[in-house]
Amino acid sequence: MWFRLSYERLENGVMTVKAPNTFLRDQFTRKYIPYMQNVLKSLTELDIKLVVSAFKPDIAGGQDPAERDPAPAKGDAFGDA
C-alpha cells in the first residue's frame, strides 16, 4: 500500500508525520509503526516515537480541503450567474 505522509516535526523524541486522511493514518499505524520505529532507531541510534496524525476531513466532501476541486467562480457554467 502506498502512503503519502508528510513530515511535521521532531520534538522531545517524538516524530510526527501527517497522513492525508484518517483511513491511511489508521492503516499505517496498524501495519507499519513498529517497523518504522525500528528503522528510525537503526538510522539515528535514538529511541524516537513515531506518531501519525491526519488532516481533518472536510465535512461536506470527506476529504482534505487542499485536495478538493475548487468551487466554480460566479458566472461559470455551474456557478451563480
N, C-alpha and C. Protein backbone atom coordinates (compact mmCIF):
# COMPACT_ATOMS: atom_id res chain seq x y z
N MET A 1 0.85 -1.18 0.00
CA MET A 1 0.00 0.00 0.00
C MET A 1 0.89 1.24 0.00
N TRP A 2 0.55 2.21 -0.77
CA TRP A 2 1.32 3.44 -0.89
C TRP A 2 0.76 4.48 0.07
N PHE A 3 1.63 5.10 0.82
CA PHE A 3 1.21 6.13 1.78
C PHE A 3 1.90 7.44 1.43
N ARG A 4 1.14 8.50 1.44
CA ARG A 4 1.71 9.83 1.24
C ARG A 4 1.73 10.52 2.60
N LEU A 5 2.82 10.40 3.30
CA LEU A 5 2.95 11.02 4.61
C LEU A 5 3.84 12.24 4.49
N SER A 6 3.49 13.26 5.25
CA SER A 6 4.28 14.50 5.26
C SER A 6 4.90 14.67 6.64
N TYR A 7 6.18 15.02 6.64
CA TYR A 7 6.86 15.29 7.90
C TYR A 7 6.29 16.56 8.51
N GLU A 8 5.99 16.51 9.82
CA GLU A 8 5.53 17.71 10.52
C GLU A 8 6.60 18.26 11.45
N ARG A 9 7.08 17.40 12.39
CA ARG A 9 8.07 17.90 13.34
C ARG A 9 8.72 16.75 14.11
N LEU A 10 9.85 17.06 14.73
CA LEU A 10 10.54 16.17 15.66
C LEU A 10 10.78 16.99 16.91
N GLU A 11 10.14 16.57 18.00
CA GLU A 11 10.18 17.36 19.22
C GLU A 11 10.16 16.44 20.43
N ASN A 12 11.14 16.57 21.31
CA ASN A 12 11.21 15.78 22.53
C ASN A 12 11.14 14.28 22.27
N GLY A 13 11.83 13.82 21.24
CA GLY A 13 11.88 12.39 20.94
C GLY A 13 10.65 11.84 20.25
N VAL A 14 9.77 12.72 19.79
CA VAL A 14 8.56 12.29 19.09
C VAL A 14 8.55 12.90 17.69
N MET A 15 8.53 12.02 16.67
CA MET A 15 8.43 12.48 15.29
C MET A 15 6.97 12.38 14.86
N THR A 16 6.45 13.47 14.38
CA THR A 16 5.06 13.50 13.93
C THR A 16 5.04 13.63 12.41
N VAL A 17 4.30 12.76 11.77
CA VAL A 17 4.06 12.82 10.33
C VAL A 17 2.55 12.90 10.13
N LYS A 18 2.13 13.39 8.98
CA LYS A 18 0.71 13.58 8.72
C LYS A 18 0.28 12.79 7.50
N ALA A 19 -0.82 12.07 7.65
CA ALA A 19 -1.43 11.32 6.55
C ALA A 19 -2.53 12.18 5.94
N PRO A 20 -2.87 11.94 4.66
CA PRO A 20 -3.89 12.76 4.02
C PRO A 20 -5.30 12.53 4.55
N ASN A 21 -5.53 11.39 5.23
CA ASN A 21 -6.86 11.14 5.78
C ASN A 21 -6.76 10.14 6.93
N THR A 22 -7.84 9.97 7.66
CA THR A 22 -7.84 9.11 8.83
C THR A 22 -7.71 7.63 8.47
N PHE A 23 -8.23 7.23 7.32
CA PHE A 23 -8.10 5.83 6.91
C PHE A 23 -6.64 5.45 6.73
N LEU A 24 -5.88 6.26 5.98
CA LEU A 24 -4.46 5.97 5.78
C LEU A 24 -3.68 6.09 7.07
N ARG A 25 -4.04 7.04 7.92
CA ARG A 25 -3.39 7.15 9.23
C ARG A 25 -3.56 5.85 10.01
N ASP A 26 -4.80 5.35 10.06
CA ASP A 26 -5.08 4.13 10.81
C ASP A 26 -4.37 2.92 10.22
N GLN A 27 -4.36 2.80 8.89
CA GLN A 27 -3.70 1.68 8.23
C GLN A 27 -2.19 1.70 8.49
N PHE A 28 -1.58 2.88 8.34
CA PHE A 28 -0.15 2.99 8.56
C PHE A 28 0.19 2.68 10.01
N THR A 29 -0.58 3.22 10.92
CA THR A 29 -0.34 2.99 12.35
C THR A 29 -0.44 1.50 12.67
N ARG A 30 -1.45 0.86 12.16
CA ARG A 30 -1.67 -0.56 12.46
C ARG A 30 -0.59 -1.45 11.87
N LYS A 31 -0.16 -1.16 10.65
CA LYS A 31 0.74 -2.07 9.93
C LYS A 31 2.22 -1.72 10.02
N TYR A 32 2.57 -0.45 10.14
CA TYR A 32 3.96 -0.06 9.92
C TYR A 32 4.67 0.67 11.05
N ILE A 33 3.96 1.12 12.07
CA ILE A 33 4.63 1.89 13.13
C ILE A 33 5.80 1.14 13.76
N PRO A 34 5.63 -0.12 14.21
CA PRO A 34 6.78 -0.80 14.83
C PRO A 34 7.98 -0.91 13.88
N TYR A 35 7.72 -1.25 12.63
CA TYR A 35 8.80 -1.37 11.64
C TYR A 35 9.51 -0.03 11.45
N MET A 36 8.74 1.05 11.27
CA MET A 36 9.34 2.36 11.01
C MET A 36 10.09 2.88 12.23
N GLN A 37 9.61 2.57 13.44
CA GLN A 37 10.34 2.98 14.64
C GLN A 37 11.68 2.25 14.71
N ASN A 38 11.72 0.98 14.30
CA ASN A 38 12.99 0.25 14.25
C ASN A 38 13.93 0.86 13.21
N VAL A 39 13.39 1.26 12.07
CA VAL A 39 14.21 1.91 11.04
C VAL A 39 14.79 3.21 11.58
N LEU A 40 13.95 4.01 12.23
CA LEU A 40 14.44 5.27 12.80
C LEU A 40 15.55 5.02 13.82
N LYS A 41 15.37 4.00 14.66
CA LYS A 41 16.39 3.69 15.66
C LYS A 41 17.70 3.24 15.00
N SER A 42 17.59 2.42 13.96
CA SER A 42 18.82 1.95 13.29
C SER A 42 19.53 3.10 12.57
N LEU A 43 18.80 4.08 12.08
CA LEU A 43 19.42 5.21 11.37
C LEU A 43 19.99 6.26 12.32
N THR A 44 19.31 6.47 13.45
CA THR A 44 19.69 7.57 14.33
C THR A 44 20.31 7.12 15.65
N GLU A 45 20.16 5.84 15.99
CA GLU A 45 20.59 5.30 17.28
C GLU A 45 19.89 6.00 18.45
N LEU A 46 18.68 6.52 18.19
CA LEU A 46 17.85 7.15 19.21
C LEU A 46 16.51 6.43 19.28
N ASP A 47 15.90 6.46 20.46
CA ASP A 47 14.55 5.91 20.58
C ASP A 47 13.56 7.01 20.23
N ILE A 48 13.11 7.03 19.00
CA ILE A 48 12.17 8.05 18.52
C ILE A 48 10.80 7.41 18.40
N LYS A 49 9.83 8.03 19.05
CA LYS A 49 8.45 7.57 18.92
C LYS A 49 7.86 8.21 17.67
N LEU A 50 7.21 7.41 16.85
CA LEU A 50 6.59 7.90 15.61
C LEU A 50 5.10 8.02 15.81
N VAL A 51 4.56 9.19 15.54
CA VAL A 51 3.14 9.47 15.68
C VAL A 51 2.61 9.92 14.33
N VAL A 52 1.46 9.38 13.93
CA VAL A 52 0.84 9.75 12.66
C VAL A 52 -0.46 10.49 12.96
N SER A 53 -0.57 11.70 12.46
CA SER A 53 -1.81 12.46 12.56
C SER A 53 -2.46 12.48 11.18
N ALA A 54 -3.64 13.08 11.08
CA ALA A 54 -4.35 13.13 9.80
C ALA A 54 -4.97 14.50 9.61
N PHE A 55 -5.06 14.91 8.34
CA PHE A 55 -5.82 16.11 8.04
C PHE A 55 -7.25 15.85 8.45
N LYS A 56 -7.90 16.84 8.98
CA LYS A 56 -9.31 16.66 9.33
C LYS A 56 -10.11 16.64 8.03
N PRO A 57 -10.99 15.64 7.87
CA PRO A 57 -11.76 15.59 6.63
C PRO A 57 -12.74 16.75 6.53
N ASP A 58 -12.95 17.19 5.31
CA ASP A 58 -13.94 18.21 5.03
C ASP A 58 -15.32 17.60 5.31
N ILE A 59 -16.13 18.26 6.09
CA ILE A 59 -17.43 17.70 6.49
C ILE A 59 -18.30 17.39 5.28
N ALA A 60 -18.34 18.27 4.30
CA ALA A 60 -19.20 18.05 3.14
C ALA A 60 -18.66 16.97 2.21
N GLY A 61 -17.37 16.97 1.96
CA GLY A 61 -16.83 16.07 0.96
C GLY A 61 -16.04 14.91 1.50
N GLY A 62 -15.72 14.90 2.80
CA GLY A 62 -14.97 13.82 3.38
C GLY A 62 -13.52 13.74 2.94
N GLN A 63 -12.93 14.86 2.54
CA GLN A 63 -11.54 14.83 2.10
C GLN A 63 -10.85 16.10 2.54
N ASP A 64 -9.55 16.10 2.43
CA ASP A 64 -8.74 17.25 2.75
C ASP A 64 -9.14 18.40 1.82
N PRO A 65 -9.50 19.57 2.37
CA PRO A 65 -9.90 20.69 1.52
C PRO A 65 -8.84 21.07 0.49
N ALA A 66 -7.56 20.85 0.77
CA ALA A 66 -6.50 21.18 -0.19
C ALA A 66 -6.54 20.29 -1.41
N GLU A 67 -7.13 19.09 -1.29
CA GLU A 67 -7.19 18.16 -2.42
C GLU A 67 -8.51 18.25 -3.18
N ARG A 68 -9.47 19.00 -2.66
CA ARG A 68 -10.79 19.12 -3.27
C ARG A 68 -10.72 20.08 -4.45
N ASP A 69 -11.51 19.83 -5.48
CA ASP A 69 -11.59 20.73 -6.63
C ASP A 69 -12.18 22.05 -6.16
N PRO A 70 -11.66 23.16 -6.66
CA PRO A 70 -12.20 24.45 -6.24
C PRO A 70 -13.64 24.62 -6.72
N ALA A 71 -14.41 25.39 -5.96
CA ALA A 71 -15.79 25.66 -6.35
C ALA A 71 -15.79 26.55 -7.59
N PRO A 72 -16.81 26.40 -8.45
CA PRO A 72 -16.87 27.25 -9.64
C PRO A 72 -17.03 28.71 -9.26
N ALA A 73 -16.40 29.59 -10.02
CA ALA A 73 -16.50 31.02 -9.77
C ALA A 73 -17.84 31.53 -10.26
N LYS A 74 -18.24 32.67 -9.71
CA LYS A 74 -19.50 33.28 -10.17
C LYS A 74 -19.43 33.52 -11.68
N GLY A 75 -20.50 33.19 -12.35
CA GLY A 75 -20.57 33.39 -13.78
C GLY A 75 -20.12 32.19 -14.57
N ASP A 76 -19.52 31.17 -13.92
CA ASP A 76 -19.15 29.95 -14.61
C ASP A 76 -20.42 29.17 -14.93
N ALA A 77 -20.27 28.17 -15.78
CA ALA A 77 -21.41 27.37 -16.21
C ALA A 77 -22.14 26.72 -15.04
N PHE A 78 -21.40 26.40 -13.98
CA PHE A 78 -22.03 25.72 -12.85
C PHE A 78 -22.19 26.63 -11.64
N GLY A 79 -21.75 27.86 -11.75
CA GLY A 79 -21.84 28.80 -10.64
C GLY A 79 -23.08 29.67 -10.77
N ASP A 80 -23.23 30.57 -9.80
CA ASP A 80 -24.34 31.51 -9.86
C ASP A 80 -24.06 32.55 -10.92
N ALA A 81 -25.04 32.92 -11.65
CA ALA A 81 -24.87 33.92 -12.72
C ALA A 81 -25.00 35.31 -12.17
